Protein backbone atom coordinates (compact mmCIF):
# COMPACT_ATOMS: atom_id res chain seq x y z
CA LEU A 1 230.13 18.27 21.50
CA ALA A 2 231.73 21.15 20.54
CA LEU A 3 235.27 19.08 20.25
CA ARG A 4 233.10 16.68 17.74
CA ARG A 5 231.74 19.70 15.73
CA ALA A 6 235.08 21.01 15.61
CA SER A 7 236.71 17.90 14.35
CA ALA A 8 234.20 17.70 11.70
CA GLN A 9 234.34 20.87 10.42
CA GLY A 10 238.62 20.90 10.46
CA GLN A 11 237.82 17.22 8.52
CA ALA A 12 235.57 18.95 6.10
CA GLU A 13 238.00 22.38 5.92
CA LEU A 14 241.24 19.68 4.99
CA GLN A 15 238.73 17.89 2.16
CA ARG A 16 238.02 21.66 0.76
CA VAL A 17 241.99 22.16 0.46
CA VAL A 18 242.56 19.24 -1.54
CA GLU A 19 240.20 19.91 -3.76
CA GLN A 20 240.95 23.34 -4.26
CA LEU A 21 244.39 21.98 -4.83
CA ARG A 22 243.31 19.39 -7.14
CA ASN A 23 241.57 21.86 -9.53
CA GLY A 24 244.53 24.38 -9.14
CA GLU A 25 242.80 26.81 -7.50
CA PRO A 26 245.10 29.19 -5.00
CA VAL A 27 244.50 28.37 -1.10
CA ALA A 28 243.78 31.38 0.88
CA ALA A 29 246.60 32.58 3.49
CA ARG A 30 246.00 30.61 7.11
CA ARG A 31 245.64 32.57 10.04
CA PRO A 32 247.80 31.78 12.97
CA SER A 33 246.76 29.55 15.62
CA PRO A 34 246.02 31.74 18.61
CA PRO A 35 248.14 31.03 22.44
CA THR A 36 246.80 28.96 24.83
CA THR A 37 244.52 30.51 26.78
CA PRO A 38 245.54 30.70 30.46
CA GLY A 39 243.17 29.26 33.06
CA ALA A 40 241.56 27.00 30.44
CA ASP A 41 240.12 23.36 31.36
CA ALA A 42 240.82 20.56 30.10
CA PHE A 43 238.57 20.59 27.19
CA ASP A 44 239.53 24.04 25.94
CA LEU A 45 243.28 22.88 26.05
CA LEU A 46 242.32 19.83 24.00
CA GLY A 47 240.43 21.83 21.10
CA GLN A 48 243.25 24.50 21.08
CA GLU A 49 245.54 21.42 20.30
CA MET A 50 243.36 20.08 17.83
CA ALA A 51 243.05 23.43 16.04
CA ARG A 52 246.90 23.27 16.22
CA ALA A 53 246.83 19.63 14.65
CA GLN A 54 244.22 20.83 11.63
CA GLU A 55 246.27 23.87 10.79
CA ALA A 56 249.39 21.49 10.58
CA SER A 57 247.81 18.95 8.28
CA VAL A 58 246.27 21.84 6.06
CA ALA A 59 250.03 23.12 5.95
CA ALA A 60 251.68 19.96 5.37
CA VAL A 61 249.32 19.06 2.50
CA VAL A 62 249.59 22.59 0.90
CA GLN A 63 253.39 22.26 1.34
CA ALA A 64 253.35 18.59 -0.45
CA SER A 65 251.27 20.00 -2.90
CA GLN A 66 253.95 22.95 -3.78
CA LEU A 67 256.60 19.98 -3.84
CA PHE A 68 255.00 17.89 -6.16
CA SER A 69 254.08 20.73 -8.61
CA SER A 70 258.06 21.58 -8.50
CA ALA A 71 258.90 18.59 -9.14
CA GLY A 72 256.70 17.55 -11.65
CA ASN A 73 258.06 20.52 -13.44
CA GLU A 74 261.52 19.53 -13.57
CA GLN A 75 260.98 15.59 -14.23
CA LYS A 76 262.04 14.15 -17.00
CA VAL A 77 261.87 11.03 -19.09
CA GLU A 78 264.37 9.14 -20.85
CA VAL A 79 264.17 6.27 -23.25
CA PHE A 80 266.89 3.98 -24.20
CA VAL A 81 266.63 1.95 -27.23
CA ASN A 82 269.01 -0.68 -28.61
């Protein structure tokens, strides 16, 4: 149940970040993922891996947005008329 909740929260957070970027709002700085807990069981390890994947997803969306916005400022259209 905890893993499903964490997954749903991660998906909702990613959607919030996408909406913030779409609206031109800044995205808050991300906190680094905590290190793997020694002696963690398989479910704890899976939860930690899911959290790292979530952070990577958000970072990729933010980076893609930054690349798109900087490329958009440099794009030019040339029209050739005969």
